[in-house]
C-alpha cells in the first residue's frame, strides 16, 4: 500500500506539472476576435424554430481512478490550482460600491456611465446601464456582461458590445460590463481567462458590487458571456449560487482536455493524454460540476461556421448539461459566424426573453 501511495503521489506530481505548465504556457489564450459591432440594419430573422438536441457529440465521461486513495489525491491536486472551482469557492468576493467615473451619452430609455469597483484590491472599470424610472419592487434585475478576448492594450470601455447591452437595457435590465484587470484603464495584469483566476474573480466581484447597489434586486442576477466570456460566465455561475441564469454566445465551453488537445493545436497530430492527465484537466473544467447548477438554466447560441470557437464546443456542453439533468436551451445558427452577424436580432431577442423568464 505504501508503494501504491508513493507511485500515485509521484504520478500526480508529474501530472500537475505537465498539465498546468501546458495551460499556463505563453500563447495559450487564443487570439479570438470578438469585435462585436452594432448591426447597420436589422438582419432578416427567418422562422424562429426551436432547435432539437444535438446528438453528434456524446457527453465526456469522467475517467475513473482505480482506488479511493487515488481519487482523493486527484481531488487535492485539482483543488490546489487557483483556477479550480474549489479554490475559487474558498475565496471571498466582497465587491464594492460602484463609483461613477464618467457619464456617457444616454441610451433610449436608460442611462450609461463608466464606473469602477474593487476586485482583489484593484480598481476595475466597467460600463453600467440603468433603466430610466423607478425600479420595480425589490430593484431591477441585472446582468453581468462578460466580453470575449480583445487584446488588453486595444480594449476601451466604451467600445464593443454596445448593441448588446442596449438590447437588455431597453428591456428593463441593469447591465454591467467589466473591463477585467489589465484591460483599458483597469489596474492589474491581464493574465488570460482560461489559466489564471483573475478575470473570473473580477466577474464575481462585479456581481457582488451589483448586489450592493440599491437599484438592483440581488435575487435577480444573471450572466451573459461571449467567447472567452462564456467560459468565465459558466465558471462564475458554479462559484456563486446567487447567479440565477446564463446566456452564452459562441462560448469557449469545452472540457479543458479538449482545449488542450484539439483547439488551436500545433501542427501535426493532436496531443494525446493519458488517463491521469485527462482526469486532472476534467477536474479543472467547469463542465465537471454541472450537477451543482441545481437547475439554474443555461442558454447557448453558436454559429456552425464559427472559425474562432468550434460549434462542437456548444454541442458537447449541451449534451453534458442534459446528462447532468440540467436545463439547457441550445440554438444552432446554420452558416453563421463567431459574432452571429447573420442572426443578431434573433439571438438578442431569444436572450432577452430567456432572462425575462428566469430572472
Foldseek 3Di string as FASTA:
>chain_A
DVVVLVVLVVVLVVLLVVLLCLCQPPCLFDPDDQQADDDPDDFDAPDPDFDDADDPDAADDADDDDDPSSVVVLLVSLCVACLFLNNLLVDDQQKAAWAFDAWDDQDDQKTKTWTWIAFPNWTWIKIKIAGDDAADVLAFFEEEEEEADDPQAPADRPGGCPVLVNLQNVVGYIYIYIQFDSHDPIHDNCSDLQNHCRRLRVSLSVLNNQVVDPRYRLQRYEYEYAASGLQSRLSNCLSDVSHQEYEYALYPQAQQVCSQFPAPADPDHTDDDDSSSSNSSNSRHSLVVLLSNVAREYEYEYECPEPHRHPVSLSNSSNSNVVSVYHYRYDYHYPAYSNSSNNVVVSSVVVSVVSVVTD
